[in-house]
Amino acid sequence: MTRLIVFDTITEFIRAPFFEDEQEINEQGQTEIYIVPKKSGITGFIGQLLSCYWCTGVWVSMIFYGLYLYFPGISGPVLVVLAVAGLAALLETVVQHMVQD
C-alpha cells in the first residue's frame, strides 16, 4: 500500500495537492521536471511525509491498525489482500535476485 501511495500513477490524485513541479534545464538543454513537496504549511508537512517511503509506511500501518481495531469485519479482508500482495512482491524480489546471479 505504501508503494501505491508514494510512487504509483493510480494514486497521483492523492499526492497532487501536496506537491509542486519545479523545472530545470540540464546540460543538453532539455527541460527536466521535478516533483517536490510544497514549502510551507500543512500541505508542505504532508508532502514531506508522502515523499518519504518509510514515513508513509509508518502512517499507513497505523491507519490500518486503527481500522482493524475499530472495524475488523471490513478491514480484515482488505488486510489479507494487501498481505498476499506484499508476499508476492517479496517473492518477486527474491526471484529477480536469483535470476541475476
N, C-alpha and C. Protein backbone atom coordinates (compact mmCIF):
# COMPACT_ATOMS: atom_id res chain seq x y z
N MET A 1 0.83 -1.19 0.00
CA MET A 1 0.00 0.00 0.00
C MET A 1 0.87 1.26 0.00
N THR A 2 1.98 1.19 0.72
CA THR A 2 2.88 2.34 0.77
C THR A 2 3.42 2.67 -0.61
N ARG A 3 3.82 1.67 -1.35
CA ARG A 3 4.34 1.89 -2.71
C ARG A 3 3.26 2.53 -3.58
N LEU A 4 2.04 2.06 -3.44
CA LEU A 4 0.95 2.62 -4.21
C LEU A 4 0.80 4.11 -3.93
N ILE A 5 0.84 4.49 -2.67
CA ILE A 5 0.64 5.89 -2.29
C ILE A 5 1.82 6.76 -2.71
N VAL A 6 3.05 6.28 -2.52
CA VAL A 6 4.23 7.11 -2.75
C VAL A 6 4.62 7.20 -4.22
N PHE A 7 4.49 6.10 -4.98
CA PHE A 7 5.07 6.07 -6.32
C PHE A 7 4.09 5.93 -7.49
N ASP A 8 3.04 5.16 -7.33
CA ASP A 8 2.25 4.75 -8.49
C ASP A 8 1.35 5.85 -9.04
N THR A 9 1.14 5.79 -10.34
CA THR A 9 0.34 6.79 -11.05
C THR A 9 -1.12 6.76 -10.62
N ILE A 10 -1.63 5.59 -10.28
CA ILE A 10 -3.04 5.46 -9.95
C ILE A 10 -3.45 6.28 -8.73
N THR A 11 -2.49 6.57 -7.85
CA THR A 11 -2.80 7.38 -6.66
C THR A 11 -2.21 8.79 -6.73
N GLU A 12 -1.89 9.22 -7.92
CA GLU A 12 -1.31 10.56 -8.09
C GLU A 12 -2.25 11.65 -7.58
N PHE A 13 -3.56 11.42 -7.68
CA PHE A 13 -4.54 12.41 -7.22
C PHE A 13 -4.43 12.63 -5.71
N ILE A 14 -3.96 11.63 -4.96
CA ILE A 14 -3.77 11.79 -3.52
C ILE A 14 -2.58 12.70 -3.23
N ARG A 15 -1.51 12.52 -3.99
CA ARG A 15 -0.28 13.30 -3.78
C ARG A 15 -0.34 14.71 -4.36
N ALA A 16 -1.12 14.92 -5.39
CA ALA A 16 -1.11 16.19 -6.15
C ALA A 16 -1.28 17.45 -5.29
N PRO A 17 -2.18 17.49 -4.32
CA PRO A 17 -2.33 18.74 -3.55
C PRO A 17 -1.12 19.09 -2.68
N PHE A 18 -0.22 18.16 -2.48
CA PHE A 18 0.89 18.36 -1.56
C PHE A 18 2.24 18.57 -2.25
N PHE A 19 2.24 18.55 -3.58
CA PHE A 19 3.48 18.69 -4.34
C PHE A 19 3.35 19.77 -5.40
N GLU A 20 4.49 20.29 -5.83
CA GLU A 20 4.52 21.24 -6.93
C GLU A 20 5.65 20.86 -7.88
N ASP A 21 5.52 21.28 -9.12
CA ASP A 21 6.53 20.97 -10.14
C ASP A 21 7.61 22.05 -10.15
N GLU A 22 8.85 21.62 -10.27
CA GLU A 22 9.97 22.53 -10.49
C GLU A 22 10.65 22.12 -11.78
N GLN A 23 10.93 23.11 -12.63
CA GLN A 23 11.57 22.82 -13.91
C GLN A 23 13.02 23.28 -13.87
N GLU A 24 13.86 22.48 -14.53
CA GLU A 24 15.28 22.78 -14.61
C GLU A 24 15.76 22.43 -16.00
N ILE A 25 16.72 23.18 -16.51
CA ILE A 25 17.32 22.89 -17.80
C ILE A 25 18.64 22.14 -17.55
N ASN A 26 18.79 20.95 -18.14
CA ASN A 26 20.01 20.18 -17.94
C ASN A 26 21.10 20.61 -18.93
N GLU A 27 22.26 19.92 -18.88
CA GLU A 27 23.38 20.30 -19.73
C GLU A 27 23.09 20.16 -21.22
N GLN A 28 22.18 19.28 -21.60
CA GLN A 28 21.82 19.08 -23.00
C GLN A 28 20.77 20.08 -23.48
N GLY A 29 20.35 20.99 -22.59
CA GLY A 29 19.35 21.98 -22.96
C GLY A 29 17.92 21.48 -22.87
N GLN A 30 17.72 20.30 -22.29
CA GLN A 30 16.37 19.74 -22.15
C GLN A 30 15.78 20.16 -20.81
N THR A 31 14.48 20.35 -20.81
CA THR A 31 13.79 20.72 -19.59
C THR A 31 13.44 19.46 -18.80
N GLU A 32 13.85 19.44 -17.55
CA GLU A 32 13.51 18.34 -16.64
C GLU A 32 12.55 18.86 -15.60
N ILE A 33 11.54 18.07 -15.30
CA ILE A 33 10.54 18.45 -14.31
C ILE A 33 10.70 17.58 -13.08
N TYR A 34 10.82 18.22 -11.91
CA TYR A 34 10.93 17.53 -10.64
C TYR A 34 9.69 17.82 -9.82
N ILE A 35 9.21 16.82 -9.14
CA ILE A 35 8.06 16.99 -8.26
C ILE A 35 8.59 17.05 -6.84
N VAL A 36 8.38 18.17 -6.18
CA VAL A 36 8.90 18.38 -4.84
C VAL A 36 7.75 18.77 -3.90
N PRO A 37 7.89 18.45 -2.61
CA PRO A 37 6.85 18.84 -1.65
C PRO A 37 6.72 20.36 -1.57
N LYS A 38 5.52 20.83 -1.31
CA LYS A 38 5.32 22.26 -1.12
C LYS A 38 6.15 22.73 0.07
N LYS A 39 6.45 24.01 0.10
CA LYS A 39 7.43 24.54 1.04
C LYS A 39 6.91 24.74 2.46
N SER A 40 5.64 25.13 2.62
CA SER A 40 5.20 25.51 3.96
C SER A 40 3.79 25.04 4.25
N GLY A 41 3.41 25.19 5.50
CA GLY A 41 2.06 24.86 5.93
C GLY A 41 1.82 23.37 6.08
N ILE A 42 0.58 23.04 6.31
CA ILE A 42 0.20 21.65 6.50
C ILE A 42 0.38 20.85 5.21
N THR A 43 0.16 21.49 4.05
CA THR A 43 0.36 20.77 2.79
C THR A 43 1.84 20.44 2.59
N GLY A 44 2.73 21.33 3.03
CA GLY A 44 4.16 21.05 2.95
C GLY A 44 4.56 19.91 3.87
N PHE A 45 3.98 19.89 5.08
CA PHE A 45 4.26 18.83 6.04
C PHE A 45 3.80 17.48 5.50
N ILE A 46 2.58 17.43 4.98
CA ILE A 46 2.07 16.17 4.42
C ILE A 46 2.87 15.78 3.18
N GLY A 47 3.28 16.76 2.37
CA GLY A 47 4.11 16.49 1.21
C GLY A 47 5.44 15.86 1.62
N GLN A 48 6.04 16.37 2.70
CA GLN A 48 7.28 15.78 3.20
C GLN A 48 7.05 14.33 3.64
N LEU A 49 5.94 14.07 4.31
CA LEU A 49 5.63 12.71 4.74
C LEU A 49 5.42 11.79 3.54
N LEU A 50 4.71 12.28 2.53
CA LEU A 50 4.44 11.46 1.35
C LEU A 50 5.67 11.24 0.48
N SER A 51 6.67 12.09 0.62
CA SER A 51 7.88 11.90 -0.19
C SER A 51 8.85 10.92 0.47
N CYS A 52 8.58 10.55 1.70
CA CYS A 52 9.43 9.60 2.43
C CYS A 52 8.72 8.25 2.48
N TYR A 53 9.34 7.27 1.84
CA TYR A 53 8.75 5.94 1.76
C TYR A 53 8.55 5.33 3.14
N TRP A 54 9.54 5.48 4.02
CA TRP A 54 9.45 4.90 5.36
C TRP A 54 8.41 5.62 6.19
N CYS A 55 8.35 6.93 6.11
CA CYS A 55 7.36 7.70 6.88
C CYS A 55 5.93 7.31 6.48
N THR A 56 5.71 7.24 5.19
CA THR A 56 4.39 6.87 4.69
C THR A 56 4.02 5.47 5.16
N GLY A 57 5.00 4.56 5.17
CA GLY A 57 4.75 3.20 5.63
C GLY A 57 4.30 3.15 7.08
N VAL A 58 4.92 3.96 7.93
CA VAL A 58 4.53 4.01 9.34
C VAL A 58 3.11 4.52 9.49
N TRP A 59 2.79 5.62 8.79
CA TRP A 59 1.45 6.19 8.90
C TRP A 59 0.39 5.26 8.33
N VAL A 60 0.68 4.62 7.21
CA VAL A 60 -0.28 3.68 6.62
C VAL A 60 -0.51 2.51 7.57
N SER A 61 0.56 2.01 8.18
CA SER A 61 0.43 0.90 9.13
C SER A 61 -0.43 1.30 10.32
N MET A 62 -0.21 2.49 10.84
CA MET A 62 -1.01 2.95 11.98
C MET A 62 -2.48 3.11 11.60
N ILE A 63 -2.74 3.62 10.42
CA ILE A 63 -4.13 3.78 9.98
C ILE A 63 -4.80 2.43 9.83
N PHE A 64 -4.12 1.47 9.20
CA PHE A 64 -4.71 0.15 9.04
C PHE A 64 -4.89 -0.57 10.37
N TYR A 65 -3.96 -0.37 11.30
CA TYR A 65 -4.11 -0.96 12.62
C TYR A 65 -5.35 -0.39 13.32
N GLY A 66 -5.52 0.93 13.23
CA GLY A 66 -6.71 1.55 13.80
C GLY A 66 -8.00 1.05 13.16
N LEU A 67 -7.98 0.93 11.84
CA LEU A 67 -9.15 0.39 11.15
C LEU A 67 -9.45 -1.03 11.60
N TYR A 68 -8.40 -1.83 11.79
CA TYR A 68 -8.59 -3.21 12.22
C TYR A 68 -9.16 -3.27 13.64
N LEU A 69 -8.73 -2.35 14.52
CA LEU A 69 -9.26 -2.33 15.88
C LEU A 69 -10.74 -1.97 15.92
N TYR A 70 -11.13 -0.98 15.11
CA TYR A 70 -12.50 -0.48 15.18
C TYR A 70 -13.45 -1.14 14.18
N PHE A 71 -12.94 -1.62 13.08
CA PHE A 71 -13.77 -2.24 12.04
C PHE A 71 -13.14 -3.54 11.54
N PRO A 72 -13.00 -4.56 12.41
CA PRO A 72 -12.28 -5.77 12.00
C PRO A 72 -12.98 -6.53 10.87
N GLY A 73 -14.29 -6.50 10.82
CA GLY A 73 -15.01 -7.23 9.78
C GLY A 73 -14.76 -6.68 8.39
N ILE A 74 -14.64 -5.38 8.29
CA ILE A 74 -14.43 -4.75 6.99
C ILE A 74 -12.95 -4.73 6.61
N SER A 75 -12.10 -4.38 7.57
CA SER A 75 -10.68 -4.22 7.25
C SER A 75 -9.92 -5.54 7.18
N GLY A 76 -10.41 -6.58 7.82
CA GLY A 76 -9.74 -7.88 7.79
C GLY A 76 -9.48 -8.39 6.38
N PRO A 77 -10.52 -8.49 5.53
CA PRO A 77 -10.29 -8.95 4.16
C PRO A 77 -9.34 -8.04 3.36
N VAL A 78 -9.41 -6.74 3.58
CA VAL A 78 -8.52 -5.81 2.88
C VAL A 78 -7.07 -6.07 3.30
N LEU A 79 -6.86 -6.29 4.59
CA LEU A 79 -5.50 -6.56 5.08
C LEU A 79 -4.97 -7.88 4.55
N VAL A 80 -5.84 -8.88 4.40
CA VAL A 80 -5.40 -10.16 3.83
C VAL A 80 -4.96 -9.96 2.38
N VAL A 81 -5.72 -9.22 1.61
CA VAL A 81 -5.35 -8.96 0.21
C VAL A 81 -4.02 -8.22 0.15
N LEU A 82 -3.84 -7.22 0.99
CA LEU A 82 -2.58 -6.46 1.00
C LEU A 82 -1.41 -7.34 1.45
N ALA A 83 -1.66 -8.24 2.40
CA ALA A 83 -0.61 -9.15 2.85
C ALA A 83 -0.19 -10.10 1.74
N VAL A 84 -1.16 -10.62 0.99
CA VAL A 84 -0.84 -11.51 -0.12
C VAL A 84 -0.07 -10.74 -1.20
N ALA A 85 -0.46 -9.50 -1.47
CA ALA A 85 0.25 -8.68 -2.45
C ALA A 85 1.68 -8.40 -1.97
N GLY A 86 1.86 -8.15 -0.69
CA GLY A 86 3.19 -7.94 -0.14
C GLY A 86 4.06 -9.19 -0.25
N LEU A 87 3.47 -10.35 0.01
CA LEU A 87 4.20 -11.60 -0.13
C LEU A 87 4.60 -11.83 -1.58
N ALA A 88 3.70 -11.54 -2.51
CA ALA A 88 4.01 -11.68 -3.93
C ALA A 88 5.16 -10.75 -4.33
N ALA A 89 5.17 -9.53 -3.82
CA ALA A 89 6.25 -8.59 -4.13
C ALA A 89 7.57 -9.09 -3.55
N LEU A 90 7.53 -9.65 -2.36
CA LEU A 90 8.73 -10.20 -1.74
C LEU A 90 9.27 -11.38 -2.55
N LEU A 91 8.39 -12.27 -2.95
CA LEU A 91 8.81 -13.41 -3.77
C LEU A 91 9.38 -12.96 -5.12
N GLU A 92 8.77 -11.97 -5.72
CA GLU A 92 9.26 -11.43 -6.99
C GLU A 92 10.67 -10.87 -6.83
N THR A 93 10.91 -10.17 -5.74
CA THR A 93 12.24 -9.61 -5.48
C THR A 93 13.27 -10.72 -5.32
N VAL A 94 12.92 -11.76 -4.57
CA VAL A 94 13.84 -12.89 -4.37
C VAL A 94 14.15 -13.57 -5.70
N VAL A 95 13.11 -13.83 -6.50
CA VAL A 95 13.30 -14.49 -7.79
C VAL A 95 14.17 -13.63 -8.71
N GLN A 96 13.94 -12.33 -8.74
CA GLN A 96 14.75 -11.44 -9.58
C GLN A 96 16.22 -11.49 -9.18
N HIS A 97 16.49 -11.52 -7.90
CA HIS A 97 17.89 -11.60 -7.44
C HIS A 97 18.51 -12.94 -7.76
N MET A 98 17.73 -14.00 -7.72
CA MET A 98 18.24 -15.33 -8.07
C MET A 98 18.56 -15.42 -9.54
N VAL A 99 17.73 -14.81 -10.38
CA VAL A 99 17.93 -14.85 -11.83
C VAL A 99 19.16 -14.03 -12.22
N GLN A 100 19.39 -12.90 -11.57
CA GLN A 100 20.52 -12.04 -11.90
C GLN A 100 21.85 -12.66 -11.50
N ASP A 101 21.87 -13.48 -10.47
CA ASP A 101 23.14 -14.08 -10.02
C ASP A 101 23.56 -15.23 -10.83
